Each structure stands twice: as structure tokens, then as C-alpha cells.
Amino acid sequence: SPFILQVSYMEIYCERVRDLLNPKSSLTLRVREHPILGPYVEDLSKLAVTGFPDIRDLMDAGNKARTVAATNMNETSSRSHAVFTIVFTQRRRDQMTGLDTEKVSKISLVDLAGSERADSSGAKGTRLKEGANINKSLTTLGKVISALAEMQSNKKRRSDFIPYRDSVLTWLLKENLGQSQHALIA
């Protein structure tokens, strides 16, 4: 086949990663960093799909496995961030050299949990801890985007420190945020 289409779906809950396409597994997945390819989630399911109906079905299944809970603000509040990734790999044979080449495109669709005020949400105990982790990763995302925008506006060649590693969300979205790839964030 000249192309391969694969998807993965994970949630980041209290700075831990869970595979939404393998929800029966209670394992917390480890985030690793490849020296060339960058951050990735070890043992995350990558499922082959043939088109949009497969993608929709897997997204629906993953959504049902997400961590939700009731707060004063929302009966089914998302307690995690979710990242649905589509990887499109195109294989071609170069007619001049006879060598096989691969072109890989990756898009990450990100659903962020909303920021929380403990007094408004009535959060206590576990809900309070969840809210604190949600706020931490959203604050870090804001800092990363601000630092990238400032670097771009100053047209600096030197790479300033960008705090990607301060949260699992920004670490995993590093290539989407900092390079010429696409991240759609809702």
C-alpha cells in the first residue's frame, strides 16, 4: 500500500498518561524522549485505520473512556486533557535512484480541560488535586506559547529556554508547538 494511516488517543490526567484506545489497561504510560524524533509515549496503542469512519469510531470509543467527574460548574467536567493523533505515512519509490522514501505527516487534535477556580467549582480532595494539575499544565502551555511568540517576534537565532518539560502536556506537544507542524487546540 502506498500509504498508512494510524491513530492514537491518550489522556493526561494529573500529569500521568493513559491510553484511551486501551482503557482496560490500568498502566500509567511513560513519556520518553528519542534523540531525533523527540518526546513520545512508550507502549501507546497505534491503530491502523482506513478512513474517516474508523477514526470517528475510535474517537468515540476513547471519549467514553475519558476521566470525568461532577463539579459545581459542570456535571460531567473533563478532568484530563486528551490528545488524538493521526499519522499519515506515504511511501514512494524514487524513479531516479530506485530508493524507497517515506513522508510522514502528523496532526494532533487536543481537547483541553477548562481552567478551574476552586471556590467556583466547589473542589475538595481529589477534585482539588485534579484542578491544580489542570491549571498547572494550562499555565505552562501559556508560558510556552508566549516564549515561542516572543522568540519569533525578536527573530532570535539563538534558542531561548522554552519550558516544555514543565508539564507532560507541553512536553508531548513540543514538536507541534515549536516546529512547522499543526496542533489544533479546542
Protein backbone atom coordinates (compact mmCIF):
# COMPACT_ATOMS: atom_id res chain seq x y z
CA SER A 1 0.00 0.00 0.00
CA PRO A 2 1.39 3.47 -0.88
CA PHE A 3 0.17 4.94 2.41
CA ILE A 4 -0.51 4.01 6.04
CA LEU A 5 -2.92 5.86 8.33
CA GLN A 6 -2.57 5.31 12.11
CA VAL A 7 -4.22 6.89 15.14
CA SER A 8 -3.55 7.05 18.86
CA TYR A 9 -5.56 8.62 21.67
CA MET A 10 -4.32 9.44 25.16
CA GLU A 11 -5.40 11.44 28.15
CA ILE A 12 -3.16 13.35 30.52
CA TYR A 13 -4.68 13.04 33.99
CA CYS A 14 -2.85 14.54 36.98
CA GLU A 15 0.37 14.60 34.91
CA ARG A 16 0.06 10.88 34.09
CA VAL A 17 -0.64 9.42 30.65
CA ARG A 18 -3.39 6.87 29.98
CA ASP A 19 -4.12 5.08 26.69
CA LEU A 20 -7.75 5.80 25.72
CA LEU A 21 -7.68 3.15 22.98
CA ASN A 22 -6.74 0.51 25.55
CA PRO A 23 -8.82 1.70 28.55
CA LYS A 24 -8.85 -1.68 30.34
CA SER A 25 -5.12 -1.34 30.94
CA SER A 26 -4.53 0.37 34.28
CA LEU A 27 -0.92 1.11 33.36
CA THR A 28 0.38 4.66 33.53
CA LEU A 29 2.43 5.06 30.38
CA ARG A 30 5.92 6.54 30.48
CA VAL A 31 6.96 9.57 28.47
CA ARG A 32 10.36 9.11 26.82
CA GLU A 33 12.47 11.29 24.57
CA HIS A 34 14.05 9.98 21.38
CA PRO A 35 17.25 11.88 20.49
CA ILE A 36 15.99 12.65 16.96
CA LEU A 37 12.21 12.16 16.98
CA GLY A 38 11.63 13.90 20.33
CA PRO A 39 9.13 13.07 23.10
CA TYR A 40 6.84 10.05 22.75
CA VAL A 41 4.69 7.80 24.93
CA GLU A 42 6.11 4.33 25.40
CA ASP A 43 3.64 1.47 24.64
CA LEU A 44 0.86 3.81 23.45
CA SER A 45 -1.54 1.98 21.07
CA LYS A 46 -1.22 2.98 17.42
CA LEU A 47 -4.12 1.56 15.42
CA ALA A 48 -4.26 1.35 11.64
CA VAL A 49 -7.36 2.89 10.05
CA THR A 50 -8.66 3.05 6.50
CA GLY A 51 -10.68 6.27 6.59
CA PHE A 52 -12.83 8.74 8.50
CA PRO A 53 -15.47 6.22 9.75
CA ASP A 54 -12.71 4.26 11.56
CA ILE A 55 -11.27 7.48 13.01
CA ARG A 56 -14.71 8.62 14.24
CA ASP A 57 -15.42 5.25 15.87
CA LEU A 58 -12.08 5.19 17.69
CA MET A 59 -12.50 8.80 18.82
CA ASP A 60 -15.98 7.98 20.18
CA ALA A 61 -14.66 4.89 22.00
CA GLY A 62 -11.79 6.90 23.50
CA ASN A 63 -14.12 9.71 24.60
CA LYS A 64 -16.19 7.21 26.59
CA ALA A 65 -13.04 6.14 28.47
CA ARG A 66 -12.05 9.68 29.49
CA THR A 67 -11.93 10.70 33.14
CA VAL A 68 -14.89 12.91 34.02
CA ALA A 69 -16.48 13.95 37.32
CA ALA A 70 -19.17 16.27 38.60
CA THR A 71 -18.27 19.72 39.94
CA ASN A 72 -20.47 22.67 40.90
CA MET A 73 -19.76 24.15 37.46
CA ASN A 74 -20.26 21.08 35.27
CA GLU A 75 -21.99 17.73 35.79
CA THR A 76 -19.53 15.90 33.52
CA SER A 77 -16.40 18.01 33.80
CA SER A 78 -13.33 16.77 31.90
CA ARG A 79 -10.67 16.04 34.50
CA SER A 80 -7.96 15.48 31.90
CA HIS A 81 -6.51 16.80 28.67
CA ALA A 82 -6.86 14.50 25.66
CA VAL A 83 -4.64 14.23 22.57
CA PHE A 84 -5.88 12.39 19.46
CA THR A 85 -3.06 11.93 16.95
CA ILE A 86 -3.33 10.99 13.28
CA VAL A 87 -0.14 9.89 11.50
CA PHE A 88 -0.16 9.65 7.71
CA THR A 89 2.83 7.86 6.18
CA GLN A 90 3.27 7.97 2.41
CA ARG A 91 5.72 5.60 0.72
CA ARG A 92 7.19 6.29 -2.69
CA ARG A 93 9.92 4.84 -4.84
CA ASP A 94 12.28 7.41 -6.29
CA GLN A 95 12.47 6.66 -10.03
CA MET A 96 15.95 8.15 -10.36
CA THR A 97 17.65 6.29 -7.51
CA GLY A 98 15.35 3.30 -7.08
CA LEU A 99 15.27 4.01 -3.33
CA ASP A 100 12.10 3.86 -1.23
CA THR A 101 11.27 7.08 0.60
CA GLU A 102 8.76 7.90 3.33
CA LYS A 103 6.98 11.17 4.01
CA VAL A 104 5.31 11.37 7.43
CA SER A 105 2.60 13.90 8.35
CA LYS A 106 1.28 14.15 11.89
CA ILE A 107 -1.64 16.11 13.26
CA SER A 108 -2.62 16.29 16.94
CA LEU A 109 -6.15 17.24 17.96
CA VAL A 110 -6.07 18.46 21.55
CA ASP A 111 -9.06 18.80 23.89
CA LEU A 112 -8.03 20.83 26.92
CA ALA A 113 -9.80 20.61 30.26
CA GLY A 114 -11.02 24.06 31.32
CA SER A 115 -9.11 26.05 33.93
CA GLU A 116 -10.61 25.92 37.41
CA ARG A 117 -11.21 28.17 40.40
CA ALA A 118 -11.56 26.01 43.48
CA ASP A 119 -14.13 28.32 45.08
CA SER A 120 -16.40 28.26 41.98
CA SER A 121 -16.12 24.55 41.26
CA GLY A 122 -16.50 23.54 44.91
CA ALA A 123 -13.45 21.33 44.51
CA LYS A 124 -12.19 19.35 47.50
CA GLY A 125 -9.88 16.37 47.89
CA THR A 126 -9.41 14.56 44.57
CA ARG A 127 -11.29 17.24 42.59
CA LEU A 128 -8.99 19.91 44.06
CA LYS A 129 -5.87 17.93 43.13
CA GLU A 130 -7.21 17.38 39.60
CA GLY A 131 -7.97 21.09 39.23
CA ALA A 132 -4.48 22.07 40.41
CA ASN A 133 -2.90 19.76 37.81
CA ILE A 134 -5.20 21.07 35.07
CA ASN A 135 -4.27 24.66 35.94
CA LYS A 136 -0.54 23.83 36.09
CA SER A 137 -0.48 22.37 32.59
CA LEU A 138 -2.63 25.22 31.15
CA THR A 139 -0.33 27.81 32.75
CA THR A 140 2.72 26.02 31.31
CA LEU A 141 1.07 25.89 27.87
CA GLY A 142 0.52 29.65 28.07
CA LYS A 143 4.15 30.23 29.06
CA VAL A 144 5.43 28.04 26.21
CA ILE A 145 3.27 29.83 23.63
CA SER A 146 4.33 33.26 24.99
CA ALA A 147 8.03 32.31 24.92
CA LEU A 148 7.72 30.99 21.35
CA ALA A 149 5.87 34.13 20.22
CA GLU A 150 8.48 36.38 21.84
CA MET A 151 11.31 34.42 20.23
CA GLN A 152 9.59 34.72 16.84
CA SER A 153 8.89 38.46 17.18
CA ASN A 154 12.51 39.14 18.18
CA LYS A 155 13.70 36.93 15.30
CA LYS A 156 16.38 35.46 17.53
CA ARG A 157 18.62 32.81 16.05
CA ARG A 158 19.70 31.65 19.49
CA SER A 159 17.21 29.28 21.03
CA ASP A 160 15.89 30.71 24.30
CA PHE A 161 14.76 28.37 27.06
CA ILE A 162 11.21 27.19 26.41
CA PRO A 163 9.69 25.39 29.46
CA TYR A 164 8.30 22.39 27.52
CA ARG A 165 9.24 19.91 30.26
CA ASP A 166 7.34 21.77 32.99
CA SER A 167 4.21 19.74 32.16
CA VAL A 168 3.51 16.45 30.41
CA LEU A 169 1.07 18.21 28.03
CA THR A 170 3.64 20.68 26.69
CA TRP A 171 6.42 18.11 26.61
CA LEU A 172 4.34 15.78 24.43
CA LEU A 173 3.20 18.66 22.18
CA LYS A 174 6.75 20.02 21.81
CA GLU A 175 7.07 19.23 18.11
CA ASN A 176 3.55 20.51 17.39
CA LEU A 177 4.14 23.79 19.21
CA GLY A 178 7.74 24.51 18.27
CA GLN A 179 8.13 23.32 14.70
CA SER A 180 6.25 23.69 11.43
CA GLN A 181 3.63 21.11 12.29
CA HIS A 182 -0.03 21.61 13.15
CA ALA A 183 -1.76 21.45 16.52
CA LEU A 184 -5.48 22.11 16.67
CA ILE A 185 -6.40 23.03 20.23
CA ALA A 186 -10.01 23.32 21.40
